[in-house]
Amino acid sequence: MKITVIGAGAVGATTADNLVRRNIAEEIVLLDIKEGVAEGKAQDIMQTSALLGFNSKIVGVTNDYLSTAGSAVAVITSGIPRKPGMTREELIGTNAGIVKTVVENLIKYSPEIIILVVSNPMDTMTYLALKVSGLPKNRIIGMGGALDSARFKYQIAEKLNASANDLNAIVIGGHGDTTMIPLIKHATWNSVPVHQFLTEEEEADIVKKTMVGGATLTALIGTSAWYAPGAAAAAMAESIVHDQNRLFTASVFLDGEFDESDINIGVPVIINKNGWEKIVPLHLSEEEKQAFSKSADAVRAMNKVLKDSEII
């Protein structure tokens, strides 16, 4: 089994590191356009195998898509990262061209591939990947909701002084600071609703901090985060490769579900060897439905840039 990671920057390298540490696939191919970067990071990671005890092999290549041939899964992390003060919308022009080229090359050598998109703006790049690939919709998945949900659990755990592993909490909607919807009223602590332990003010604070989670880290470290995004991408790849049927929030193509169509946006889905197997319906309040509709409008506005620019 082979997994390809496109982009050997912080997120891509961290994704590859997570994949090999957990022996998720026999071979990981790390590809970058900058000469020597992927090769160097692959060697660095492989030199930890004797210390960490993994048996997966990672190979770094410079823009050599032939080496990706036969990949079951690809994780696309390439593109410029978000800088302080930059919105995800501002990334569209540059990253669309990158993602389109990457997808076309991946399909050329691995026609049965399942693609996980991490590049921002993630929902729009996932929509682009679907449109240019011609693949069935279940084989194109955007990672953002899994990351946002992990950040949501972190904020709840901090407030409750609890283990994040004991929490069930998801974020739906667009992967953006103003478009994501942390479903605080649905969150549970070992099946007990978390609202039993929190005041309304505390719940509001959790939601606010979750929504600006990415921007907060960008302001602190000067670029986009990489540890949690890399872990999220690796976890989703593992569910595909090992056919785990795990439930993630992911950006997938809607065709009437949640009253939306012709859009990729974050909803709960089951992920296994087929990609995303099915969308899981939610009983949303009227307020939550309105928030989701508003989020979809914002994502659709970003997608319009692709069409206006004749990228798709």
C-alpha atoms as a PDB file:
ATOM      1  CA  MET A   1       0.000   0.000   0.000  1.00  0.00           C
ATOM      2  CA  LYS A   2       1.351   3.412  -1.009  1.00  0.00           C
ATOM      3  CA  ILE A   3       0.324   6.866   0.211  1.00  0.00           C
ATOM      4  CA  THR A   4       1.556  10.060  -1.431  1.00  0.00           C
ATOM      5  CA  VAL A   5       1.912  13.384   0.362  1.00  0.00           C
ATOM      6  CA  ILE A   6       2.179  16.386  -1.933  1.00  0.00           C
ATOM      7  CA  GLY A   7       4.081  19.265  -0.361  1.00  0.00           C
ATOM      8  CA  ALA A   8       7.019  18.792   2.004  1.00  0.00           C
ATOM      9  CA  GLY A   9       6.371  21.904   4.036  1.00  0.00           C
ATOM     10  CA  ALA A  10       5.490  21.814   7.707  1.00  0.00           C
ATOM     11  CA  VAL A  11       2.030  20.277   7.230  1.00  0.00           C
ATOM     12  CA  GLY A  12       3.115  17.774   4.583  1.00  0.00           C
ATOM     13  CA  ALA A  13       6.178  16.625   6.481  1.00  0.00           C
ATOM     14  CA  THR A  14       4.184  16.297   9.695  1.00  0.00           C
ATOM     15  CA  THR A  15       1.535  14.270   7.858  1.00  0.00           C
ATOM     16  CA  ALA A  16       4.227  11.961   6.484  1.00  0.00           C
ATOM     17  CA  ASP A  17       5.813  11.649   9.925  1.00  0.00           C
ATOM     18  CA  ASN A  18       2.482  10.646  11.461  1.00  0.00           C
ATOM     19  CA  LEU A  19       1.871   8.112   8.697  1.00  0.00           C
ATOM     20  CA  VAL A  20       5.192   6.318   9.137  1.00  0.00           C
ATOM     21  CA  ARG A  21       5.170   6.405  12.934  1.00  0.00           C
ATOM     22  CA  ARG A  22       1.842   4.571  12.889  1.00  0.00           C
ATOM     23  CA  ASN A  23       2.870   2.140  10.112  1.00  0.00           C
ATOM     24  CA  ILE A  24      -0.242   3.111   8.167  1.00  0.00           C
ATOM     25  CA  ALA A  25       1.220   2.107   4.783  1.00  0.00           C
ATOM     26  CA  GLU A  26       4.223   0.207   3.546  1.00  0.00           C
ATOM     27  CA  GLU A  27       5.461   3.160   1.505  1.00  0.00           C
ATOM     28  CA  ILE A  28       5.020   6.916   1.820  1.00  0.00           C
ATOM     29  CA  VAL A  29       6.073   9.160  -1.067  1.00  0.00           C
ATOM     30  CA  LEU A  30       6.778  12.768  -0.095  1.00  0.00           C
ATOM     31  CA  LEU A  31       6.849  15.087  -3.118  1.00  0.00           C
ATOM     32  CA  ASP A  32       7.802  18.744  -3.397  1.00  0.00           C
ATOM     33  CA  ILE A  33       8.734  21.101  -6.227  1.00  0.00           C
ATOM     34  CA  LYS A  34      11.774  22.504  -4.411  1.00  0.00           C
ATOM     35  CA  GLU A  35      14.896  20.499  -5.132  1.00  0.00           C
ATOM     36  CA  GLY A  36      16.120  18.376  -2.234  1.00  0.00           C
ATOM     37  CA  VAL A  37      13.528  19.395   0.370  1.00  0.00           C
ATOM     38  CA  ALA A  38      11.387  16.261   0.213  1.00  0.00           C
ATOM     39  CA  GLU A  39      14.461  14.037  -0.063  1.00  0.00           C
ATOM     40  CA  GLY A  40      16.054  15.648   2.986  1.00  0.00           C
ATOM     41  CA  LYS A  41      12.946  15.505   5.151  1.00  0.00           C
ATOM     42  CA  ALA A  42      12.283  11.895   4.123  1.00  0.00           C
ATOM     43  CA  GLN A  43      15.811  10.895   5.166  1.00  0.00           C
ATOM     44  CA  ASP A  44      15.467  12.768   8.441  1.00  0.00           C
ATOM     45  CA  ILE A  45      12.202  10.963   9.234  1.00  0.00           C
ATOM     46  CA  MET A  46      13.607   7.556   8.192  1.00  0.00           C
ATOM     47  CA  GLN A  47      16.557   8.052  10.536  1.00  0.00           C
ATOM     48  CA  THR A  48      14.090   7.934  13.447  1.00  0.00           C
ATOM     49  CA  SER A  49      12.882   4.423  12.549  1.00  0.00           C
ATOM     50  CA  ALA A  50      15.504   2.671  14.680  1.00  0.00           C
ATOM     51  CA  LEU A  51      14.500   4.866  17.616  1.00  0.00           C
ATOM     52  CA  LEU A  52      10.715   4.707  17.185  1.00  0.00           C
ATOM     53  CA  GLY A  53      10.328   1.168  15.887  1.00  0.00           C
ATOM     54  CA  PHE A  54       8.309   1.714  12.713  1.00  0.00           C
ATOM     55  CA  ASN A  55       8.763  -0.299   9.514  1.00  0.00           C
ATOM     56  CA  SER A  56       7.109   1.948   6.947  1.00  0.00           C
ATOM     57  CA  LYS A  57       9.384   3.413   4.299  1.00  0.00           C
ATOM     58  CA  ILE A  58       9.320   7.055   3.227  1.00  0.00           C
ATOM     59  CA  VAL A  59      10.844   8.275  -0.016  1.00  0.00           C
ATOM     60  CA  GLY A  60      11.321  11.923  -0.951  1.00  0.00           C
ATOM     61  CA  VAL A  61      11.187  13.090  -4.580  1.00  0.00           C
ATOM     62  CA  THR A  62      11.367  16.397  -6.441  1.00  0.00           C
ATOM     63  CA  ASN A  63       8.366  16.851  -8.735  1.00  0.00           C
ATOM     64  CA  ASP A  64       8.527  13.191  -9.857  1.00  0.00           C
ATOM     65  CA  TYR A  65       4.930  12.044 -10.162  1.00  0.00           C
ATOM     66  CA  LEU A  66       5.982   8.723 -11.686  1.00  0.00           C
ATOM     67  CA  SER A  67       7.147   7.773  -8.190  1.00  0.00           C
ATOM     68  CA  THR A  68       3.587   8.257  -6.946  1.00  0.00           C
ATOM     69  CA  ALA A  69       2.185   5.647  -9.357  1.00  0.00           C
ATOM     70  CA  GLY A  70      -0.200   3.165  -7.755  1.00  0.00           C
ATOM     71  CA  SER A  71      -0.962   5.312  -4.715  1.00  0.00           C
ATOM     72  CA  ALA A  72      -4.150   4.376  -2.856  1.00  0.00           C
ATOM     73  CA  VAL A  73      -4.370   7.770  -1.137  1.00  0.00           C
ATOM     74  CA  ALA A  74      -2.855  11.195  -1.720  1.00  0.00           C
ATOM     75  CA  VAL A  75      -2.785  14.078   0.735  1.00  0.00           C
ATOM     76  CA  ILE A  76      -2.465  17.480  -0.950  1.00  0.00           C
ATOM     77  CA  THR A  77      -0.863  20.061   1.318  1.00  0.00           C
ATOM     78  CA  SER A  78       0.891  22.148  -1.330  1.00  0.00           C
ATOM     79  CA  GLY A  79       0.274  25.843  -1.732  1.00  0.00           C
ATOM     80  CA  ILE A  80       1.321  29.000   0.010  1.00  0.00           C
ATOM     81  CA  PRO A  81       0.487  29.104   3.736  1.00  0.00           C
ATOM     82  CA  ARG A  82      -1.717  31.740   5.277  1.00  0.00           C
ATOM     83  CA  LYS A  83       0.234  34.695   6.642  1.00  0.00           C
ATOM     84  CA  PRO A  84      -0.818  36.908   9.564  1.00  0.00           C
ATOM     85  CA  GLY A  85      -3.794  39.027   8.506  1.00  0.00           C
ATOM     86  CA  MET A  86      -4.388  36.995   5.343  1.00  0.00           C
ATOM     87  CA  THR A  87      -7.786  35.405   4.826  1.00  0.00           C
ATOM     88  CA  ARG A  88      -8.285  32.003   3.244  1.00  0.00           C
ATOM     89  CA  GLU A  89     -10.129  33.761   0.397  1.00  0.00           C
ATOM     90  CA  GLU A  90      -6.944  35.595  -0.562  1.00  0.00           C
ATOM     91  CA  LEU A  91      -5.218  32.282  -1.157  1.00  0.00           C
ATOM     92  CA  ILE A  92      -7.537  31.215  -3.987  1.00  0.00           C
ATOM     93  CA  GLY A  93      -5.696  32.686  -6.955  1.00  0.00           C
ATOM     94  CA  THR A  94      -2.306  31.141  -6.215  1.00  0.00           C
ATOM     95  CA  ASN A  95      -3.352  27.848  -4.671  1.00  0.00           C
ATOM     96  CA  ALA A  96      -5.981  26.983  -7.286  1.00  0.00           C
ATOM     97  CA  GLY A  97      -3.355  26.715 -10.004  1.00  0.00           C
ATOM     98  CA  ILE A  98      -1.161  24.560  -7.778  1.00  0.00           C
ATOM     99  CA  VAL A  99      -3.952  22.195  -6.722  1.00  0.00           C
ATOM    100  CA  LYS A 100      -5.251  21.796 -10.282  1.00  0.00           C
ATOM    101  CA  THR A 101      -1.806  20.771 -11.559  1.00  0.00           C
ATOM    102  CA  VAL A 102      -1.254  18.389  -8.654  1.00  0.00           C
ATOM    103  CA  VAL A 103      -4.607  16.649  -9.107  1.00  0.00           C
ATOM    104  CA  GLU A 104      -4.083  16.181 -12.839  1.00  0.00           C
ATOM    105  CA  ASN A 105      -0.665  14.607 -12.251  1.00  0.00           C
ATOM    106  CA  LEU A 106      -1.922  12.322  -9.490  1.00  0.00           C
ATOM    107  CA  ILE A 107      -4.789  11.007 -11.628  1.00  0.00           C
ATOM    108  CA  LYS A 108      -2.391  10.355 -14.514  1.00  0.00           C
ATOM    109  CA  TYR A 109      -0.402   7.833 -12.485  1.00  0.00           C
ATOM    110  CA  SER A 110      -2.991   6.618  -9.953  1.00  0.00           C
ATOM    111  CA  PRO A 111      -6.462   6.577 -11.564  1.00  0.00           C
ATOM    112  CA  GLU A 112      -8.027   4.750  -8.580  1.00  0.00           C
ATOM    113  CA  ILE A 113      -6.687   7.188  -6.005  1.00  0.00           C
ATOM    114  CA  ILE A 114      -8.589   8.769  -3.101  1.00  0.00           C
ATOM    115  CA  ILE A 115      -7.583  12.401  -2.558  1.00  0.00           C
ATOM    116  CA  LEU A 116      -7.494  14.244   0.768  1.00  0.00           C
ATOM    117  CA  VAL A 117      -7.259  18.012   0.355  1.00  0.00           C
ATOM    118  CA  VAL A 118      -5.591  20.141   3.029  1.00  0.00           C
ATOM    119  CA  SER A 119      -4.613  23.190   0.940  1.00  0.00           C
ATOM    120  CA  ASN A 120      -6.505  26.401   1.723  1.00  0.00           C
ATOM    121  CA  PRO A 121      -9.079  27.726   1.175  1.00  0.00           C
ATOM    122  CA  MET A 122      -9.875  24.069   1.828  1.00  0.00           C
ATOM    123  CA  ASP A 123     -13.555  23.792   0.839  1.00  0.00           C
ATOM    124  CA  THR A 124     -12.944  25.616  -2.438  1.00  0.00           C
ATOM    125  CA  MET A 125      -9.788  23.624  -3.204  1.00  0.00           C
ATOM    126  CA  THR A 126     -11.714  20.401  -2.523  1.00  0.00           C
ATOM    127  CA  TYR A 127     -14.469  21.522  -4.894  1.00  0.00           C
ATOM    128  CA  LEU A 128     -11.808  22.348  -7.475  1.00  0.00           C
ATOM    129  CA  ALA A 129     -10.170  18.926  -7.048  1.00  0.00           C
ATOM    130  CA  LEU A 130     -13.507  17.219  -7.638  1.00  0.00           C
ATOM    131  CA  LYS A 131     -14.298  19.244 -10.757  1.00  0.00           C
ATOM    132  CA  VAL A 132     -10.892  18.847 -12.441  1.00  0.00           C
ATOM    133  CA  SER A 133     -10.326  15.196 -11.483  1.00  0.00           C
ATOM    134  CA  GLY A 134     -13.518  13.685 -12.846  1.00  0.00           C
ATOM    135  CA  LEU A 135     -13.388  11.181  -9.980  1.00  0.00           C
ATOM    136  CA  PRO A 136     -16.502   9.945  -8.182  1.00  0.00           C
ATOM    137  CA  LYS A 137     -17.480  12.379  -5.440  1.00  0.00           C
ATOM    138  CA  ASN A 138     -16.748   9.875  -2.648  1.00  0.00           C
ATOM    139  CA  ARG A 139     -13.039   9.843  -3.580  1.00  0.00           C
ATOM    140  CA  ILE A 140     -12.444  13.565  -2.953  1.00  0.00           C
ATOM    141  CA  ILE A 141     -12.376  14.622   0.706  1.00  0.00           C
ATOM    142  CA  GLY A 142     -11.491  17.913   2.397  1.00  0.00           C
ATOM    143  CA  MET A 143      -9.730  17.617   5.747  1.00  0.00           C
ATOM    144  CA  GLY A 144     -10.826  20.850   7.486  1.00  0.00           C
ATOM    145  CA  GLY A 145     -13.742  19.617   9.600  1.00  0.00           C
ATOM    146  CA  ALA A 146     -11.608  16.959  11.277  1.00  0.00           C
ATOM    147  CA  LEU A 147      -9.098  19.615  12.313  1.00  0.00           C
ATOM    148  CA  ASP A 148     -11.760  22.081  13.451  1.00  0.00           C
ATOM    149  CA  SER A 149     -13.480  19.369  15.500  1.00  0.00           C
ATOM    150  CA  ALA A 150     -10.186  18.482  17.191  1.00  0.00           C
ATOM    151  CA  ARG A 151      -9.689  22.149  18.074  1.00  0.00           C
ATOM    152  CA  PHE A 152     -13.264  22.278  19.370  1.00  0.00           C
ATOM    153  CA  LYS A 153     -12.620  19.300  21.652  1.00  0.00           C
ATOM    154  CA  TYR A 154      -9.438  20.980  22.890  1.00  0.00           C
ATOM    155  CA  GLN A 155     -11.324  24.119  23.889  1.00  0.00           C
ATOM    156  CA  ILE A 156     -14.037  22.123  25.662  1.00  0.00           C
ATOM    157  CA  ALA A 157     -11.429  19.993  27.444  1.00  0.00           C
ATOM    158  CA  GLU A 158      -9.603  23.092  28.628  1.00  0.00           C
ATOM    159  CA  LYS A 159     -12.794  24.576  30.024  1.00  0.00           C
ATOM    160  CA  LEU A 160     -13.899  21.345  31.731  1.00  0.00           C
ATOM    161  CA  ASN A 161     -10.416  20.239  32.796  1.00  0.00           C
ATOM    162  CA  ALA A 162     -11.305  16.979  31.050  1.00  0.00           C
ATOM    163  CA  SER A 163      -9.601  14.611  28.623  1.00  0.00           C
ATOM    164  CA  ALA A 164     -10.320  15.448  25.004  1.00  0.00           C
ATOM    165  CA  ASN A 165     -10.495  11.696  24.399  1.00  0.00           C
ATOM    166  CA  ASP A 166     -13.679  11.556  26.501  1.00  0.00           C
ATOM    167  CA  LEU A 167     -15.443  14.160  24.373  1.00  0.00           C
ATOM    168  CA  ASN A 168     -17.682  13.880  21.341  1.00  0.00           C
ATOM    169  CA  ALA A 169     -17.987  17.222  19.583  1.00  0.00           C
ATOM    170  CA  ILE A 170     -18.049  18.248  15.938  1.00  0.00           C
ATOM    171  CA  VAL A 171     -17.755  21.354  13.812  1.00  0.00           C
ATOM    172  CA  ILE A 172     -19.718  21.581  10.564  1.00  0.00           C
ATOM    173  CA  GLY A 173     -19.837  24.175   7.804  1.00  0.00           C
ATOM    174  CA  GLY A 174     -17.000  25.884   5.977  1.00  0.00           C
ATOM    175  CA  HIS A 175     -13.396  25.645   7.119  1.00  0.00           C
ATOM    176  CA  GLY A 176     -13.028  29.338   7.870  1.00  0.00           C
ATOM    177  CA  ASP A 177     -12.941  31.672  10.836  1.00  0.00           C
ATOM    178  CA  THR A 178     -16.419  33.018  10.120  1.00  0.00           C
ATOM    179  CA  THR A 179     -17.999  30.005   8.388  1.00  0.00           C
ATOM    180  CA  MET A 180     -17.430  27.090  10.755  1.00  0.00           C
ATOM    181  CA  ILE A 181     -20.203  26.044  13.139  1.00  0.00           C
ATOM    182  CA  PRO A 182     -19.085  24.397  16.408  1.00  0.00           C
ATOM    183  CA  LEU A 183     -22.144  22.424  17.537  1.00  0.00           C
ATOM    184  CA  ILE A 184     -21.845  23.116  21.254  1.00  0.00           C
ATOM    185  CA  LYS A 185     -25.418  21.963  22.005  1.00  0.00           C
ATOM    186  CA  HIS A 186     -24.615  18.545  20.518  1.00  0.00           C
ATOM    187  CA  ALA A 187     -21.314  18.051  22.374  1.00  0.00           C
ATOM    188  CA  THR A 188     -21.077  15.356  25.056  1.00  0.00           C
ATOM    189  CA  TRP A 189     -18.661  14.263  27.764  1.00  0.00           C
ATOM    190  CA  ASN A 190     -18.906  10.464  27.775  1.00  0.00           C
ATOM    191  CA  SER A 191     -22.521  10.760  26.541  1.00  0.00           C
ATOM    192  CA  VAL A 192     -23.449  13.495  29.045  1.00  0.00           C
ATOM    193  CA  PRO A 193     -24.268  16.832  27.331  1.00  0.00           C
ATOM    194  CA  VAL A 194     -21.503  19.308  28.102  1.00  0.00           C
ATOM    195  CA  HIS A 195     -24.044  22.091  28.642  1.00  0.00           C
ATOM    196  CA  GLN A 196     -24.780  20.453  32.000  1.00  0.00           C
ATOM    197  CA  PHE A 197     -21.294  21.506  33.117  1.00  0.00           C
ATOM    198  CA  LEU A 198     -21.003  24.889  31.406  1.00  0.00           C
ATOM    199  CA  THR A 199     -22.617  28.292  31.667  1.00  0.00           C
ATOM    200  CA  GLU A 200     -23.904  30.027  28.533  1.00  0.00           C
ATOM    201  CA  GLU A 201     -20.965  32.412  28.767  1.00  0.00           C
ATOM    202  CA  GLU A 202     -18.499  29.526  28.881  1.00  0.00           C
ATOM    203  CA  GLU A 203     -20.158  27.859  25.906  1.00  0.00           C
ATOM    204  CA  ALA A 204     -19.979  31.096  23.925  1.00  0.00           C
ATOM    205  CA  ASP A 205     -16.300  31.462  24.800  1.00  0.00           C
ATOM    206  CA  ILE A 206     -15.556  27.908  23.604  1.00  0.00           C
ATOM    207  CA  VAL A 207     -17.326  28.530  20.306  1.00  0.00           C
ATOM    208  CA  LYS A 208     -15.530  31.851  19.782  1.00  0.00           C
ATOM    209  CA  LYS A 209     -12.079  30.418  20.521  1.00  0.00           C
ATOM    210  CA  THR A 210     -12.717  27.435  18.247  1.00  0.00           C
ATOM    211  CA  MET A 211     -13.728  29.641  15.341  1.00  0.00           C
ATOM    212  CA  VAL A 212     -10.545  31.713  15.548  1.00  0.00           C
ATOM    213  CA  GLY A 213      -8.349  28.732  16.404  1.00  0.00           C
ATOM    214  CA  GLY A 214      -6.390  28.827  13.164  1.00  0.00           C
ATOM    215  CA  ALA A 215      -6.010  32.606  13.167  1.00  0.00           C
ATOM    216  CA  THR A 216      -4.873  32.524  16.804  1.00  0.00           C
ATOM    217  CA  LEU A 217      -2.039  30.141  15.960  1.00  0.00           C
ATOM    218  CA  THR A 218      -1.103  32.103  12.850  1.00  0.00           C
ATOM    219  CA  ALA A 219      -0.768  35.246  14.962  1.00  0.00           C
ATOM    220  CA  LEU A 220       1.336  33.435  17.572  1.00  0.00           C
ATOM    221  CA  ILE A 221       3.764  31.572  15.319  1.00  0.00           C
ATOM    222  CA  GLY A 222       3.685  33.683  12.162  1.00  0.00           C
ATOM    223  CA  THR A 223       2.336  31.011   9.816  1.00  0.00           C
ATOM    224  CA  SER A 224      -0.322  28.319   9.626  1.00  0.00           C
ATOM    225  CA  ALA A 225      -0.273  25.512  12.188  1.00  0.00           C
ATOM    226  CA  TRP A 226       1.079  22.091  11.233  1.00  0.00           C
ATOM    227  CA  TYR A 227       0.983  19.538  14.099  1.00  0.00           C
ATOM    228  CA  ALA A 228      -2.799  19.210  14.362  1.00  0.00           C
ATOM    229  CA  PRO A 229      -3.444  19.514  10.592  1.00  0.00           C
ATOM    230  CA  GLY A 230      -0.840  16.812   9.936  1.00  0.00           C
ATOM    231  CA  ALA A 231      -2.348  14.537  12.572  1.00  0.00           C
ATOM    232  CA  ALA A 232      -5.857  15.085  11.178  1.00  0.00           C
ATOM    233  CA  ALA A 233      -4.807  14.223   7.628  1.00  0.00           C
ATOM    234  CA  ALA A 234      -2.975  11.101   8.805  1.00  0.00           C
ATOM    235  CA  ALA A 235      -5.960   9.926  10.869  1.00  0.00           C
ATOM    236  CA  MET A 236      -8.262  10.246   7.866  1.00  0.00           C
ATOM    237  CA  ALA A 237      -5.782   8.420   5.625  1.00  0.00           C
ATOM    238  CA  GLU A 238      -5.575   5.636   8.211  1.00  0.00           C
ATOM    239  CA  SER A 239      -9.359   5.234   8.223  1.00  0.00           C
ATOM    240  CA  ILE A 240      -9.243   4.798   4.444  1.00  0.00           C
ATOM    241  CA  VAL A 241      -6.283   2.418   4.284  1.00  0.00           C
ATOM    242  CA  HIS A 242      -7.449   0.262   7.216  1.00  0.00           C
ATOM    243  CA  ASP A 243     -11.145   0.481   6.299  1.00  0.00           C
ATOM    244  CA  GLN A 244     -11.987   1.708   9.815  1.00  0.00           C
ATOM    245  CA  ASN A 245     -15.406   3.258   9.141  1.00  0.00           C
ATOM    246  CA  ARG A 246     -14.553   6.211  11.372  1.00  0.00           C
ATOM    247  CA  LEU A 247     -16.887   9.195  11.584  1.00  0.00           C
ATOM    248  CA  PHE A 248     -15.209  12.493  10.756  1.00  0.00           C
ATOM    249  CA  THR A 249     -16.474  15.901   9.799  1.00  0.00           C
ATOM    250  CA  ALA A 250     -15.126  16.398   6.287  1.00  0.00           C
ATOM    251  CA  SER A 251     -15.683  18.624   3.295  1.00  0.00           C
ATOM    252  CA  VAL A 252     -17.630  16.518   0.795  1.00  0.00           C
ATOM    253  CA  PHE A 253     -19.858  17.198  -2.180  1.00  0.00           C
ATOM    254  CA  LEU A 254     -23.500  17.738  -1.296  1.00  0.00           C
ATOM    255  CA  ASP A 255     -26.320  16.886  -3.661  1.00  0.00           C
ATOM    256  CA  GLY A 256     -29.377  17.881  -1.660  1.00  0.00           C
ATOM    257  CA  GLU A 257     -28.121  16.832   1.768  1.00  0.00           C
ATOM    258  CA  PHE A 258     -28.505  19.530   4.420  1.00  0.00           C
ATOM    259  CA  ASP A 259     -30.571  21.392   1.778  1.00  0.00           C
ATOM    260  CA  GLU A 260     -27.453  22.262  -0.215  1.00  0.00           C
ATOM    261  CA  SER A 261     -26.196  21.216  -3.664  1.00  0.00           C
ATOM    262  CA  ASP A 262     -23.130  21.677  -5.894  1.00  0.00           C
ATOM    263  CA  ILE A 263     -20.846  22.524  -3.001  1.00  0.00           C
ATOM    264  CA  ASN A 264     -18.129  20.935  -0.884  1.00  0.00           C
ATOM    265  CA  ILE A 265     -18.587  21.779   2.785  1.00  0.00           C
ATOM    266  CA  GLY A 266     -18.036  20.170   6.171  1.00  0.00           C
ATOM    267  CA  VAL A 267     -20.587  17.584   7.322  1.00  0.00           C
ATOM    268  CA  PRO A 268     -20.271  14.330   9.303  1.00  0.00           C
ATOM    269  CA  VAL A 269     -19.331  11.361   7.105  1.00  0.00           C
ATOM    270  CA  ILE A 270     -18.205   7.760   7.457  1.00  0.00           C
ATOM    271  CA  ILE A 271     -14.737   7.236   5.976  1.00  0.00           C
ATOM    272  CA  ASN A 272     -13.428   3.843   4.851  1.00  0.00           C
ATOM    273  CA  LYS A 273     -11.658   2.104   1.940  1.00  0.00           C
ATOM    274  CA  ASN A 274     -14.124   3.646  -0.529  1.00  0.00           C
ATOM    275  CA  GLY A 275     -13.373   7.213   0.574  1.00  0.00           C
ATOM    276  CA  TRP A 276     -16.399   8.751   2.230  1.00  0.00           C
ATOM    277  CA  GLU A 277     -19.116   6.109   2.426  1.00  0.00           C
ATOM    278  CA  LYS A 278     -22.131   8.120   3.507  1.00  0.00           C
ATOM    279  CA  ILE A 279     -23.214  11.439   4.931  1.00  0.00           C
ATOM    280  CA  VAL A 280     -24.629  11.237   8.460  1.00  0.00           C
ATOM    281  CA  PRO A 281     -27.758  13.374   8.950  1.00  0.00           C
ATOM    282  CA  LEU A 282     -28.043  15.688  11.952  1.00  0.00           C
ATOM    283  CA  HIS A 283     -31.078  17.073  13.744  1.00  0.00           C
ATOM    284  CA  LEU A 284     -30.227  20.771  13.643  1.00  0.00           C
ATOM    285  CA  SER A 285     -32.120  23.573  15.315  1.00  0.00           C
ATOM    286  CA  GLU A 286     -33.502  26.376  13.158  1.00  0.00           C
ATOM    287  CA  GLU A 287     -30.654  28.591  14.309  1.00  0.00           C
ATOM    288  CA  GLU A 288     -28.096  25.942  13.334  1.00  0.00           C
ATOM    289  CA  LYS A 289     -29.783  25.418   9.956  1.00  0.00           C
ATOM    290  CA  GLN A 290     -29.614  29.136   9.256  1.00  0.00           C
ATOM    291  CA  ALA A 291     -25.952  29.231  10.254  1.00  0.00           C
ATOM    292  CA  PHE A 292     -25.197  26.325   7.918  1.00  0.00           C
ATOM    293  CA  SER A 293     -27.016  28.017   5.048  1.00  0.00           C
ATOM    294  CA  LYS A 294     -25.059  31.223   5.654  1.00  0.00           C
ATOM    295  CA  SER A 295     -21.814  29.251   5.768  1.00  0.00           C
ATOM    296  CA  ALA A 296     -22.673  27.562   2.475  1.00  0.00           C
ATOM    297  CA  ASP A 297     -23.337  30.948   0.876  1.00  0.00           C
ATOM    298  CA  ALA A 298     -19.884  32.120   1.941  1.00  0.00           C
ATOM    299  CA  VAL A 299     -18.186  29.011   0.540  1.00  0.00           C
ATOM    300  CA  ARG A 300     -20.177  29.312  -2.682  1.00  0.00           C
ATOM    301  CA  ALA A 301     -18.973  32.909  -3.020  1.00  0.00           C
ATOM    302  CA  MET A 302     -15.375  31.683  -2.877  1.00  0.00           C
ATOM    303  CA  ASN A 303     -16.151  28.979  -5.434  1.00  0.00           C
ATOM    304  CA  LYS A 304     -17.459  31.692  -7.739  1.00  0.00           C
ATOM    305  CA  VAL A 305     -13.919  33.051  -7.965  1.00  0.00           C
ATOM    306  CA  LEU A 306     -12.911  29.774  -9.638  1.00  0.00           C
ATOM    307  CA  LYS A 307     -15.679  30.110 -12.191  1.00  0.00           C
ATOM    308  CA  ASP A 308     -15.178  33.823 -12.800  1.00  0.00           C
ATOM    309  CA  SER A 309     -11.478  33.203 -13.362  1.00  0.00           C
ATOM    310  CA  GLU A 310     -12.323  30.287 -15.687  1.00  0.00           C
ATOM    311  CA  ILE A 311     -10.229  27.921 -13.573  1.00  0.00           C
ATOM    312  CA  ILE A 312     -13.112  25.442 -13.774  1.00  0.00           C
END
